[in-house]
PDB file of N, CA and C in Angstrom:
ATOM      1  N   MET A   1       0.683  -1.145   0.148  1.00  0.00           N
ATOM      2  CA  MET A   1       0.195   0.191   0.173  1.00  0.00           C
ATOM      3  C   MET A   1       0.878   1.362   0.180  1.00  0.00           C
ATOM      4  N   ALA A   2       0.619   2.194  -0.961  1.00  0.00           N
ATOM      5  CA  ALA A   2       1.058   3.431  -1.366  1.00  0.00           C
ATOM      6  C   ALA A   2       1.040   4.193  -0.335  1.00  0.00           C
ATOM      7  N   CYS A   3       2.137   4.992   0.422  1.00  0.00           N
ATOM      8  CA  CYS A   3       1.534   6.321   1.453  1.00  0.00           C
ATOM      9  C   CYS A   3       1.429   7.342   1.208  1.00  0.00           C
ATOM     10  N   PHE A   4       1.335   7.862  -0.434  1.00  0.00           N
ATOM     11  CA  PHE A   4       1.440   8.668  -1.009  1.00  0.00           C
ATOM     12  C   PHE A   4       0.138   8.446  -2.397  1.00  0.00           C
ATOM     13  N   ALA A   5      -0.003   9.905  -2.793  1.00  0.00           N
ATOM     14  CA  ALA A   5      -0.852   9.981  -4.194  1.00  0.00           C
ATOM     15  C   ALA A   5      -0.593  11.625  -4.305  1.00  0.00           C
ATOM     16  N   VAL A   6       0.053  11.740  -5.905  1.00  0.00           N
ATOM     17  CA  VAL A   6       0.595  12.563  -6.212  1.00  0.00           C
ATOM     18  C   VAL A   6      -0.662  13.131  -7.374  1.00  0.00           C
ATOM     19  N   ASN A   7      -1.958  14.266  -6.208  1.00  0.00           N
ATOM     20  CA  ASN A   7      -2.703  14.780  -7.231  1.00  0.00           C
ATOM     21  C   ASN A   7      -2.455  16.179  -7.896  1.00  0.00           C
ATOM     22  N   PHE A   8      -1.465  16.503  -8.464  1.00  0.00           N
ATOM     23  CA  PHE A   8      -1.282  17.770  -8.695  1.00  0.00           C
ATOM     24  C   PHE A   8      -0.337  17.340 -10.058  1.00  0.00           C
ATOM     25  N   VAL A   9      -0.082  18.195 -11.046  1.00  0.00           N
ATOM     26  CA  VAL A   9       0.738  18.104 -12.175  1.00  0.00           C
ATOM     27  C   VAL A   9       2.119  18.605 -11.940  1.00  0.00           C
ATOM     28  N   ALA A  10       3.087  17.791 -11.997  1.00  0.00           N
ATOM     29  CA  ALA A  10       4.224  17.837 -11.418  1.00  0.00           C
ATOM     30  C   ALA A  10       5.061  18.642 -12.977  1.00  0.00           C
ATOM     31  N   HIS A  11       5.815  19.491 -12.633  1.00  0.00           N
ATOM     32  CA  HIS A  11       6.461  20.176 -13.831  1.00  0.00           C
ATOM     33  C   HIS A  11       7.838  19.453 -13.726  1.00  0.00           C
ATOM     34  N   SER A  12       8.439  18.527 -12.593  1.00  0.00           N
ATOM     35  CA  SER A  12       9.704  18.042 -13.106  1.00  0.00           C
ATOM     36  C   SER A  12       9.363  16.947 -11.860  1.00  0.00           C
ATOM     37  N   LEU A  13      10.475  15.838 -12.240  1.00  0.00           N
ATOM     38  CA  LEU A  13      10.208  14.308 -11.733  1.00  0.00           C
ATOM     39  C   LEU A  13      10.950  14.728 -10.154  1.00  0.00           C
ATOM     40  N   VAL A  14      11.676  16.152 -10.113  1.00  0.00           N
ATOM     41  CA  VAL A  14      12.392  16.432  -8.787  1.00  0.00           C
ATOM     42  C   VAL A  14      11.398  16.061  -7.902  1.00  0.00           C
ATOM     43  N   GLU A  15      10.183  17.475  -8.069  1.00  0.00           N
ATOM     44  CA  GLU A  15       9.029  17.826  -7.326  1.00  0.00           C
ATOM     45  C   GLU A  15       8.006  16.083  -7.093  1.00  0.00           C
ATOM     46  N   VAL A  16       8.016  15.295  -7.759  1.00  0.00           N
ATOM     47  CA  VAL A  16       7.400  14.099  -7.803  1.00  0.00           C
ATOM     48  C   VAL A  16       8.472  13.333  -6.452  1.00  0.00           C
ATOM     49  N   VAL A  17       9.630  13.533  -6.251  1.00  0.00           N
ATOM     50  CA  VAL A  17      10.485  12.580  -5.478  1.00  0.00           C
ATOM     51  C   VAL A  17       9.998  13.930  -4.276  1.00  0.00           C
ATOM     52  N   LEU A  18      10.247  14.709  -4.466  1.00  0.00           N
ATOM     53  CA  LEU A  18       9.927  15.803  -2.931  1.00  0.00           C
ATOM     54  C   LEU A  18       8.579  15.268  -2.257  1.00  0.00           C
ATOM     55  N   ALA A  19       7.991  15.373  -3.206  1.00  0.00           N
ATOM     56  CA  ALA A  19       6.179  14.813  -2.755  1.00  0.00           C
ATOM     57  C   ALA A  19       6.364  13.792  -2.579  1.00  0.00           C
ATOM     58  N   VAL A  20       6.680  12.696  -2.844  1.00  0.00           N
ATOM     59  CA  VAL A  20       6.935  11.498  -1.867  1.00  0.00           C
ATOM     60  C   VAL A  20       7.117  11.296  -1.152  1.00  0.00           C
ATOM     61  N   GLN A  21       8.927  11.912  -0.912  1.00  0.00           N
ATOM     62  CA  GLN A  21       9.358  12.013  -0.020  1.00  0.00           C
ATOM     63  C   GLN A  21       8.769  12.528   1.662  1.00  0.00           C
ATOM     64  N   HIS A  22       7.739  13.623   1.313  1.00  0.00           N
ATOM     65  CA  HIS A  22       7.555  14.585   2.246  1.00  0.00           C
ATOM     66  C   HIS A  22       5.867  14.294   2.667  1.00  0.00           C
ATOM     67  N   SER A  23       5.315  13.069   1.994  1.00  0.00           N
ATOM     68  CA  SER A  23       4.089  12.737   2.445  1.00  0.00           C
ATOM     69  C   SER A  23       4.387  11.451   3.023  1.00  0.00           C
ATOM     70  N   CYS A  24       5.280  10.815   3.148  1.00  0.00           N
ATOM     71  CA  CYS A  24       5.520   9.579   3.626  1.00  0.00           C
ATOM     72  C   CYS A  24       5.677   9.659   4.923  1.00  0.00           C
ATOM     73  N   ARG A  25       6.929  10.282   5.578  1.00  0.00           N
ATOM     74  CA  ARG A  25       7.102  10.777   6.831  1.00  0.00           C
ATOM     75  C   ARG A  25       7.486  10.027   7.976  1.00  0.00           C
ATOM     76  N   GLY A  26       8.340   9.144   7.501  1.00  0.00           N
ATOM     77  CA  GLY A  26       8.625   8.211   8.023  1.00  0.00           C
ATOM     78  C   GLY A  26       8.272   6.668   8.074  1.00  0.00           C
ATOM     79  N   ILE A  27       7.306   6.875   6.856  1.00  0.00           N
ATOM     80  CA  ILE A  27       7.485   5.637   6.389  1.00  0.00           C
ATOM     81  C   ILE A  27       8.013   5.172   5.286  1.00  0.00           C
ATOM     82  N   TYR A  28       8.722   3.870   5.159  1.00  0.00           N
ATOM     83  CA  TYR A  28       9.406   3.708   4.475  1.00  0.00           C
ATOM     84  C   TYR A  28       8.990   2.795   3.378  1.00  0.00           C
ATOM     85  N   THR A  29       8.657   3.256   1.637  1.00  0.00           N
ATOM     86  CA  THR A  29       8.415   2.466   1.077  1.00  0.00           C
ATOM     87  C   THR A  29       9.670   2.334  -0.379  1.00  0.00           C
ATOM     88  N   MET A  30      10.230   1.648  -0.413  1.00  0.00           N
ATOM     89  CA  MET A  30      10.866   1.954  -1.635  1.00  0.00           C
ATOM     90  C   MET A  30      10.246   1.694  -2.641  1.00  0.00           C
ATOM     91  N   SER A  31      10.225   2.383  -3.593  1.00  0.00           N
ATOM     92  CA  SER A  31       9.721   3.028  -5.120  1.00  0.00           C
ATOM     93  C   SER A  31      11.119   2.709  -6.186  1.00  0.00           C
ATOM     94  N   PHE A  32      10.676   2.695  -7.089  1.00  0.00           N
ATOM     95  CA  PHE A  32      11.524   2.722  -8.139  1.00  0.00           C
ATOM     96  C   PHE A  32      10.762   3.357  -9.529  1.00  0.00           C
ATOM     97  N   PHE A  33      11.721   3.902 -10.274  1.00  0.00           N
ATOM     98  CA  PHE A  33      11.721   4.378 -11.956  1.00  0.00           C
ATOM     99  C   PHE A  33      11.872   3.411 -12.410  1.00  0.00           C
ATOM    100  N   ARG A  34      10.764   3.084 -13.751  1.00  0.00           N
ATOM    101  CA  ARG A  34      11.002   2.475 -14.730  1.00  0.00           C
ATOM    102  C   ARG A  34      11.399   3.276 -15.981  1.00  0.00           C
ATOM    103  N   ILE A  35      12.147   2.876 -16.338  1.00  0.00           N
ATOM    104  CA  ILE A  35      12.856   3.715 -17.444  1.00  0.00           C
ATOM    105  C   ILE A  35      13.037   3.070 -18.638  1.00  0.00           C
ATOM    106  N   THR A  36      12.310   3.781 -19.823  1.00  0.00           N
ATOM    107  CA  THR A  36      12.285   2.672 -21.057  1.00  0.00           C
ATOM    108  C   THR A  36      12.567   3.999 -22.160  1.00  0.00           C
ATOM    109  N   LEU A  37      13.698   3.754 -22.764  1.00  0.00           N
ATOM    110  CA  LEU A  37      14.360   4.468 -23.737  1.00  0.00           C
ATOM    111  C   LEU A  37      13.634   4.269 -25.090  1.00  0.00           C
ATOM    112  N   MET A  38      12.678   5.118 -25.950  1.00  0.00           N
ATOM    113  CA  MET A  38      12.002   5.284 -26.644  1.00  0.00           C
ATOM    114  C   MET A  38      12.325   5.829 -27.579  1.00  0.00           C
ATOM    115  N   ARG A  39      13.659   7.087 -27.618  1.00  0.00           N
ATOM    116  CA  ARG A  39      13.816   7.278 -28.722  1.00  0.00           C
ATOM    117  C   ARG A  39      15.745   7.312 -28.908  1.00  0.00           C
ATOM    118  N   SER A  40      16.243   7.404 -30.086  1.00  0.00           N
ATOM    119  CA  SER A  40      17.400   6.822 -30.167  1.00  0.00           C
ATOM    120  C   SER A  40      18.504   8.335 -30.038  1.00  0.00           C
ATOM    121  N   ALA A  41      19.527   8.182 -29.674  1.00  0.00           N
ATOM    122  CA  ALA A  41      20.230   9.275 -28.840  1.00  0.00           C
ATOM    123  C   ALA A  41      21.255   9.409 -30.286  1.00  0.00           C
ATOM    124  N   ILE A  42      20.826   9.378 -31.633  1.00  0.00           N
ATOM    125  CA  ILE A  42      22.102   9.246 -33.018  1.00  0.00           C
ATOM    126  C   ILE A  42      21.827  10.861 -33.179  1.00  0.00           C
ATOM    127  N   GLY A  43      23.101  11.816 -33.259  1.00  0.00           N
ATOM    128  CA  GLY A  43      22.882  12.901 -33.368  1.00  0.00           C
ATOM    129  C   GLY A  43      23.310  13.772 -32.580  1.00  0.00           C
ATOM    130  N   LEU A  44      22.817  13.486 -31.320  1.00  0.00           N
ATOM    131  CA  LEU A  44      22.777  13.967 -30.273  1.00  0.00           C
ATOM    132  C   LEU A  44      24.421  14.396 -29.476  1.00  0.00           C
ATOM    133  N   PRO A  45      24.167  15.307 -28.592  1.00  0.00           N
ATOM    134  CA  PRO A  45      25.792  15.816 -28.108  1.00  0.00           C
ATOM    135  C   PRO A  45      26.212  14.569 -27.329  1.00  0.00           C
ATOM    136  N   LYS A  46      27.542  14.408 -27.300  1.00  0.00           N
ATOM    137  CA  LYS A  46      27.929  13.327 -26.041  1.00  0.00           C
ATOM    138  C   LYS A  46      27.589  13.612 -24.791  1.00  0.00           C
ATOM    139  N   ARG A  47      27.278  14.828 -24.240  1.00  0.00           N
ATOM    140  CA  ARG A  47      27.171  14.668 -23.014  1.00  0.00           C
ATOM    141  C   ARG A  47      25.518  13.746 -22.636  1.00  0.00           C
ATOM    142  N   THR A  48      24.560  14.209 -23.754  1.00  0.00           N
ATOM    143  CA  THR A  48      23.332  13.230 -23.697  1.00  0.00           C
ATOM    144  C   THR A  48      23.600  11.893 -23.867  1.00  0.00           C
ATOM    145  N   GLN A  49      24.581  11.991 -24.955  1.00  0.00           N
ATOM    146  CA  GLN A  49      24.399  10.172 -24.705  1.00  0.00           C
ATOM    147  C   GLN A  49      25.310   9.662 -23.792  1.00  0.00           C
ATOM    148  N   GLY A  50      26.283  10.238 -23.109  1.00  0.00           N
ATOM    149  CA  GLY A  50      26.699   9.874 -21.628  1.00  0.00           C
ATOM    150  C   GLY A  50      25.799   9.923 -20.795  1.00  0.00           C
ATOM    151  N   VAL A  51      24.731  10.311 -20.670  1.00  0.00           N
ATOM    152  CA  VAL A  51      23.934  10.143 -19.673  1.00  0.00           C
ATOM    153  C   VAL A  51      23.100   8.975 -19.566  1.00  0.00           C
ATOM    154  N   LEU A  52      22.844   8.712 -20.989  1.00  0.00           N
ATOM    155  CA  LEU A  52      22.051   7.301 -21.783  1.00  0.00           C
ATOM    156  C   LEU A  52      22.918   6.253 -20.943  1.00  0.00           C
ATOM    157  N   LYS A  53      24.351   6.343 -21.363  1.00  0.00           N
ATOM    158  CA  LYS A  53      25.264   5.369 -21.115  1.00  0.00           C
ATOM    159  C   LYS A  53      25.042   5.216 -19.413  1.00  0.00           C
ATOM    160  N   ALA A  54      25.304   6.369 -18.801  1.00  0.00           N
ATOM    161  CA  ALA A  54      25.184   6.309 -17.121  1.00  0.00           C
ATOM    162  C   ALA A  54      23.959   5.624 -17.056  1.00  0.00           C
ATOM    163  N   LEU A  55      22.791   5.797 -17.416  1.00  0.00           N
ATOM    164  CA  LEU A  55      21.641   4.888 -17.111  1.00  0.00           C
ATOM    165  C   LEU A  55      21.590   3.136 -17.324  1.00  0.00           C
ATOM    166  N   GLY A  56      22.546   3.070 -18.269  1.00  0.00           N
ATOM    167  CA  GLY A  56      22.333   1.534 -18.699  1.00  0.00           C
ATOM    168  C   GLY A  56      21.545   1.503 -20.263  1.00  0.00           C
ATOM    169  N   LEU A  57      21.195   2.777 -20.816  1.00  0.00           N
ATOM    170  CA  LEU A  57      20.158   2.502 -21.928  1.00  0.00           C
ATOM    171  C   LEU A  57      20.849   2.821 -22.944  1.00  0.00           C
ATOM    172  N   ARG A  58      21.393   1.699 -23.917  1.00  0.00           N
ATOM    173  CA  ARG A  58      21.782   1.578 -24.843  1.00  0.00           C
ATOM    174  C   ARG A  58      21.370   1.299 -26.139  1.00  0.00           C
ATOM    175  N   ARG A  59      19.893   0.836 -26.267  1.00  0.00           N
ATOM    176  CA  ARG A  59      19.381   0.716 -27.518  1.00  0.00           C
ATOM    177  C   ARG A  59      17.619   0.824 -27.266  1.00  0.00           C
ATOM    178  N   ARG A  60      16.787   1.418 -28.139  1.00  0.00           N
ATOM    179  CA  ARG A  60      15.242   1.480 -28.187  1.00  0.00           C
ATOM    180  C   ARG A  60      15.169   0.635 -27.089  1.00  0.00           C
ATOM    181  N   MET A  61      13.835   0.890 -26.625  1.00  0.00           N
ATOM    182  CA  MET A  61      13.136   0.010 -26.220  1.00  0.00           C
ATOM    183  C   MET A  61      13.558  -1.327 -24.439  1.00  0.00           C
ATOM    184  N   LYS A  62      14.693  -0.391 -24.420  1.00  0.00           N
ATOM    185  CA  LYS A  62      15.328  -1.116 -23.372  1.00  0.00           C
ATOM    186  C   LYS A  62      14.971  -0.566 -21.685  1.00  0.00           C
ATOM    187  N   THR A  63      14.597  -1.443 -20.931  1.00  0.00           N
ATOM    188  CA  THR A  63      13.955  -0.689 -19.525  1.00  0.00           C
ATOM    189  C   THR A  63      14.716  -1.464 -18.332  1.00  0.00           C
ATOM    190  N   VAL A  64      15.234   0.104 -17.975  1.00  0.00           N
ATOM    191  CA  VAL A  64      16.201  -0.719 -16.530  1.00  0.00           C
ATOM    192  C   VAL A  64      15.014   0.201 -15.425  1.00  0.00           C
ATOM    193  N   PHE A  65      15.665  -0.382 -14.157  1.00  0.00           N
ATOM    194  CA  PHE A  65      14.551   0.178 -12.995  1.00  0.00           C
ATOM    195  C   PHE A  65      15.690   0.608 -11.836  1.00  0.00           C
ATOM    196  N   TYR A  66      15.892   1.786 -11.242  1.00  0.00           N
ATOM    197  CA  TYR A  66      16.701   2.811 -10.350  1.00  0.00           C
ATOM    198  C   TYR A  66      15.752   2.914  -9.185  1.00  0.00           C
ATOM    199  N   PRO A  67      16.132   2.676  -8.158  1.00  0.00           N
ATOM    200  CA  PRO A  67      15.430   3.834  -7.045  1.00  0.00           C
ATOM    201  C   PRO A  67      15.204   5.042  -6.921  1.00  0.00           C
ATOM    202  N   VAL A  68      14.085   5.290  -6.262  1.00  0.00           N
ATOM    203  CA  VAL A  68      13.874   7.217  -6.436  1.00  0.00           C
ATOM    204  C   VAL A  68      14.962   7.386  -5.587  1.00  0.00           C
ATOM    205  N   SER A  69      15.138   8.852  -6.725  1.00  0.00           N
ATOM    206  CA  SER A  69      16.096   9.534  -5.520  1.00  0.00           C
ATOM    207  C   SER A  69      16.300  10.584  -6.958  1.00  0.00           C
ATOM    208  N   HIS A  70      17.065  11.673  -6.025  1.00  0.00           N
ATOM    209  CA  HIS A  70      17.795  13.209  -6.532  1.00  0.00           C
ATOM    210  C   HIS A  70      18.461  12.834  -7.613  1.00  0.00           C
ATOM    211  N   ASP A  71      19.435  11.926  -7.259  1.00  0.00           N
ATOM    212  CA  ASP A  71      20.174  11.947  -8.635  1.00  0.00           C
ATOM    213  C   ASP A  71      19.589  11.138  -9.870  1.00  0.00           C
ATOM    214  N   VAL A  72      18.906   9.741  -9.674  1.00  0.00           N
ATOM    215  CA  VAL A  72      18.415   9.551 -10.742  1.00  0.00           C
ATOM    216  C   VAL A  72      17.178  10.407 -11.434  1.00  0.00           C
ATOM    217  N   ALA A  73      16.790  11.200 -10.795  1.00  0.00           N
ATOM    218  CA  ALA A  73      15.361  12.260 -11.457  1.00  0.00           C
ATOM    219  C   ALA A  73      16.187  13.408 -12.200  1.00  0.00           C
ATOM    220  N   GLY A  74      17.445  13.941 -11.456  1.00  0.00           N
ATOM    221  CA  GLY A  74      18.563  14.396 -12.477  1.00  0.00           C
ATOM    222  C   GLY A  74      18.929  14.153 -13.803  1.00  0.00           C
ATOM    223  N   GLN A  75      19.331  13.214 -13.965  1.00  0.00           N
ATOM    224  CA  GLN A  75      19.689  12.341 -14.927  1.00  0.00           C
ATOM    225  C   GLN A  75      18.279  12.058 -16.096  1.00  0.00           C
ATOM    226  N   ILE A  76      17.713  11.706 -15.348  1.00  0.00           N
ATOM    227  CA  ILE A  76      15.971  11.995 -16.140  1.00  0.00           C
ATOM    228  C   ILE A  76      15.906  12.887 -16.934  1.00  0.00           C
ATOM    229  N   MET A  77      15.479  14.083 -16.147  1.00  0.00           N
ATOM    230  CA  MET A  77      15.742  15.321 -16.963  1.00  0.00           C
ATOM    231  C   MET A  77      16.418  15.829 -17.724  1.00  0.00           C
ATOM    232  N   LYS A  78      17.917  15.208 -17.806  1.00  0.00           N
ATOM    233  CA  LYS A  78      18.739  15.771 -19.065  1.00  0.00           C
ATOM    234  C   LYS A  78      18.123  15.031 -20.419  1.00  0.00           C
ATOM    235  N   VAL A  79      17.299  13.675 -20.226  1.00  0.00           N
ATOM    236  CA  VAL A  79      17.227  13.094 -21.723  1.00  0.00           C
ATOM    237  C   VAL A  79      15.549  13.191 -21.446  1.00  0.00           C
ATOM    238  N   LYS A  80      14.830  13.937 -20.834  1.00  0.00           N
ATOM    239  CA  LYS A  80      13.422  13.326 -20.550  1.00  0.00           C
ATOM    240  C   LYS A  80      12.493  13.366 -22.108  1.00  0.00           C
ATOM    241  N   GLU A  81      12.947  13.831 -22.906  1.00  0.00           N
ATOM    242  CA  GLU A  81      12.893  13.941 -24.207  1.00  0.00           C
ATOM    243  C   GLU A  81      12.707  12.517 -24.844  1.00  0.00           C
ATOM    244  N   LEU A  82      13.623  11.759 -24.699  1.00  0.00           N
ATOM    245  CA  LEU A  82      13.581  10.657 -25.321  1.00  0.00           C
ATOM    246  C   LEU A  82      13.485   9.232 -24.043  1.00  0.00           C
ATOM    247  N   VAL A  83      13.250   9.348 -22.833  1.00  0.00           N
ATOM    248  CA  VAL A  83      12.578   8.136 -22.211  1.00  0.00           C
ATOM    249  C   VAL A  83      11.011   8.185 -22.009  1.00  0.00           C
ATOM    250  N   LYS A  84      10.702   7.567 -21.251  1.00  0.00           N
ATOM    251  CA  LYS A  84       9.377   7.411 -21.007  1.00  0.00           C
ATOM    252  C   LYS A  84       9.480   6.567 -19.092  1.00  0.00           C
ATOM    253  N   VAL A  85       9.014   7.615 -18.426  1.00  0.00           N
ATOM    254  CA  VAL A  85       9.375   7.384 -16.966  1.00  0.00           C
ATOM    255  C   VAL A  85       7.921   6.841 -16.228  1.00  0.00           C
ATOM    256  N   GLU A  86       8.217   5.824 -15.584  1.00  0.00           N
ATOM    257  CA  GLU A  86       6.848   4.872 -14.645  1.00  0.00           C
ATOM    258  C   GLU A  86       7.331   5.001 -13.565  1.00  0.00           C
ATOM    259  N   GLU A  87       6.865   5.120 -11.838  1.00  0.00           N
ATOM    260  CA  GLU A  87       7.418   5.081 -10.968  1.00  0.00           C
ATOM    261  C   GLU A  87       6.245   3.943 -10.528  1.00  0.00           C
ATOM    262  N   VAL A  88       7.193   2.769  -9.958  1.00  0.00           N
ATOM    263  CA  VAL A  88       6.508   1.694  -9.963  1.00  0.00           C
ATOM    264  C   VAL A  88       7.007   0.736  -8.299  1.00  0.00           C
ATOM    265  N   ALA A  89       6.143   0.136  -7.574  1.00  0.00           N
ATOM    266  CA  ALA A  89       6.677  -0.577  -6.373  1.00  0.00           C
ATOM    267  C   ALA A  89       7.513  -1.211  -6.374  1.00  0.00           C
ATOM    268  N   GLU A  90       8.218  -1.946  -7.487  1.00  0.00           N
ATOM    269  CA  GLU A  90       9.225  -3.240  -7.341  1.00  0.00           C
ATOM    270  C   GLU A  90       9.706  -2.793  -8.669  1.00  0.00           C
ATOM    271  N   SER A  91      10.931  -3.551  -8.437  1.00  0.00           N
ATOM    272  CA  SER A  91      12.458  -3.677  -9.742  1.00  0.00           C
ATOM    273  C   SER A  91      11.697  -5.310 -10.371  1.00  0.00           C
ATOM    274  N   LYS A  92      12.047  -5.134 -11.487  1.00  0.00           N
ATOM    275  CA  LYS A  92      11.486  -6.672 -12.331  1.00  0.00           C
ATOM    276  C   LYS A  92      13.081  -6.789 -12.765  1.00  0.00           C
ATOM    277  N   THR A  93      13.442  -8.610 -12.659  1.00  0.00           N
ATOM    278  CA  THR A  93      14.453  -9.226 -13.835  1.00  0.00           C
ATOM    279  C   THR A  93      14.013  -9.087 -15.037  1.00  0.00           C
ATOM    280  N   LYS A  94      14.996  -8.957 -15.787  1.00  0.00           N
ATOM    281  CA  LYS A  94      15.022  -9.428 -16.897  1.00  0.00           C
ATOM    282  C   LYS A  94      14.469 -10.067 -17.633  1.00  0.00           C
ATOM    283  N   SER A  95      14.378 -11.585 -17.082  1.00  0.00           N
ATOM    284  CA  SER A  95      12.932 -12.212 -17.335  1.00  0.00           C
ATOM    285  C   SER A  95      11.681 -12.039 -16.950  1.00  0.00           C
ATOM    286  N   GLU A  96      11.128 -11.724 -15.668  1.00  0.00           N
ATOM    287  CA  GLU A  96       9.985 -10.823 -15.922  1.00  0.00           C
ATOM    288  C   GLU A  96       9.665  -9.943 -16.395  1.00  0.00           C
ATOM    289  N   LEU A  97      10.602  -9.220 -16.993  1.00  0.00           N
ATOM    290  CA  LEU A  97      10.138  -8.572 -18.465  1.00  0.00           C
ATOM    291  C   LEU A  97       9.839  -8.982 -19.454  1.00  0.00           C
ATOM    292  N   SER A  98      10.360 -10.027 -19.797  1.00  0.00           N
ATOM    293  CA  SER A  98      10.576 -10.591 -20.885  1.00  0.00           C
ATOM    294  C   SER A  98       8.999 -11.590 -20.671  1.00  0.00           C
ATOM    295  N   ALA A  99       8.668 -12.122 -19.615  1.00  0.00           N
ATOM    296  CA  ALA A  99       7.761 -12.530 -19.561  1.00  0.00           C
ATOM    297  C   ALA A  99       6.201 -11.907 -19.599  1.00  0.00           C
ATOM    298  N   GLU A 100       6.510 -10.832 -18.897  1.00  0.00           N
ATOM    299  CA  GLU A 100       4.869  -9.681 -19.055  1.00  0.00           C
ATOM    300  C   GLU A 100       5.228  -9.491 -20.464  1.00  0.00           C
ATOM    301  N   ARG A 101       6.085  -9.626 -21.683  1.00  0.00           N
ATOM    302  CA  ARG A 101       5.603  -8.984 -23.129  1.00  0.00           C
ATOM    303  C   ARG A 101       5.074 -10.471 -23.869  1.00  0.00           C
ATOM    304  N   ARG A 102       5.172 -11.635 -22.863  1.00  0.00           N
ATOM    305  CA  ARG A 102       5.017 -12.599 -23.686  1.00  0.00           C
ATOM    306  C   ARG A 102       3.238 -12.841 -24.117  1.00  0.00           C
ATOM    307  N   PRO A 103       3.035 -12.723 -25.408  1.00  0.00           N
ATOM    308  CA  PRO A 103       1.260 -12.946 -25.257  1.00  0.00           C
ATOM    309  C   PRO A 103       1.025 -14.279 -24.709  1.00  0.00           C
ATOM    310  N   ASP A 104      -0.212 -14.218 -24.241  1.00  0.00           N
ATOM    311  CA  ASP A 104      -1.406 -15.484 -23.831  1.00  0.00           C
ATOM    312  C   ASP A 104      -1.057 -16.347 -24.848  1.00  0.00           C
ATOM    313  N   PRO A 105      -1.201 -17.673 -24.966  1.00  0.00           N
ATOM    314  CA  PRO A 105      -0.989 -18.730 -25.761  1.00  0.00           C
ATOM    315  C   PRO A 105      -2.801 -18.799 -26.915  1.00  0.00           C
ATOM    316  N   GLY A 106      -3.282 -18.541 -25.994  1.00  0.00           N
ATOM    317  CA  GLY A 106      -4.721 -18.964 -26.387  1.00  0.00           C
ATOM    318  C   GLY A 106      -5.296 -20.229 -25.888  1.00  0.00           C
ATOM    319  N   PHE A 107      -4.696 -21.175 -25.275  1.00  0.00           N
ATOM    320  CA  PHE A 107      -4.751 -22.347 -25.103  1.00  0.00           C
ATOM    321  C   PHE A 107      -3.761 -22.830 -23.560  1.00  0.00           C
ATOM    322  N   PHE A 108      -4.239 -24.049 -23.109  1.00  0.00           N
ATOM    323  CA  PHE A 108      -3.607 -24.590 -22.451  1.00  0.00           C
ATOM    324  C   PHE A 108      -3.125 -26.022 -22.132  1.00  0.00           C
ATOM    325  N   ILE A 109      -2.595 -26.496 -21.839  1.00  0.00           N
ATOM    326  CA  ILE A 109      -2.682 -28.130 -22.111  1.00  0.00           C
ATOM    327  C   ILE A 109      -2.588 -28.459 -20.491  1.00  0.00           C
ATOM    328  N   GLU A 110      -3.853 -29.650 -20.663  1.00  0.00           N
ATOM    329  CA  GLU A 110      -4.266 -30.061 -19.331  1.00  0.00           C
ATOM    330  C   GLU A 110      -3.629 -31.141 -19.049  1.00  0.00           C
ATOM    331  N   ARG A 111      -3.483 -32.258 -20.361  1.00  0.00           N
ATOM    332  CA  ARG A 111      -2.335 -33.062 -19.747  1.00  0.00           C
ATOM    333  C   ARG A 111      -2.306 -33.681 -21.125  1.00  0.00           C
ATOM    334  N   ALA A 112      -0.786 -34.655 -21.554  1.00  0.00           N
ATOM    335  CA  ALA A 112      -0.650 -34.939 -22.806  1.00  0.00           C
ATOM    336  C   ALA A 112      -1.425 -36.364 -23.050  1.00  0.00           C
ATOM    337  N   ALA A 113      -1.899 -36.334 -24.297  1.00  0.00           N
ATOM    338  CA  ALA A 113      -2.486 -37.405 -24.816  1.00  0.00           C
ATOM    339  C   ALA A 113      -1.279 -38.586 -24.849  1.00  0.00           C
ATOM    340  N   PRO A 114      -2.438 -39.953 -24.759  1.00  0.00           N
ATOM    341  CA  PRO A 114      -1.735 -41.185 -24.374  1.00  0.00           C
ATOM    342  C   PRO A 114      -1.082 -40.877 -26.127  1.00  0.00           C
ATOM    343  N   ARG A 115       0.340 -41.683 -25.970  1.00  0.00           N
ATOM    344  CA  ARG A 115       0.808 -42.359 -27.141  1.00  0.00           C
ATOM    345  C   ARG A 115       0.644 -43.621 -27.503  1.00  0.00           C
TER     346      ARG A 115
END
């Protein structure tokens, strides 16, 4: 159960981080930024490419998880036009992400047919 609700339009991720930290007041709930690279950094300045590299985003549609902090929020603000950011309660592994994207097969096997 989250201890916060952001009911305002934030102008930056730093404001969201501050609102979350302020509203929790002693209740420690770990939340994560889910960062997905949506646009390529081809043709952008080396500094911007360096921020993406530091975040671990090397190719499009790559998703990484980082704990909510001022440092990460600052890095996200540098590349906000290129990434999609969500705040989630828990981090997922690479295998969990691929299982999440896997479509429903439309059937399931109750038991194998006798041979």
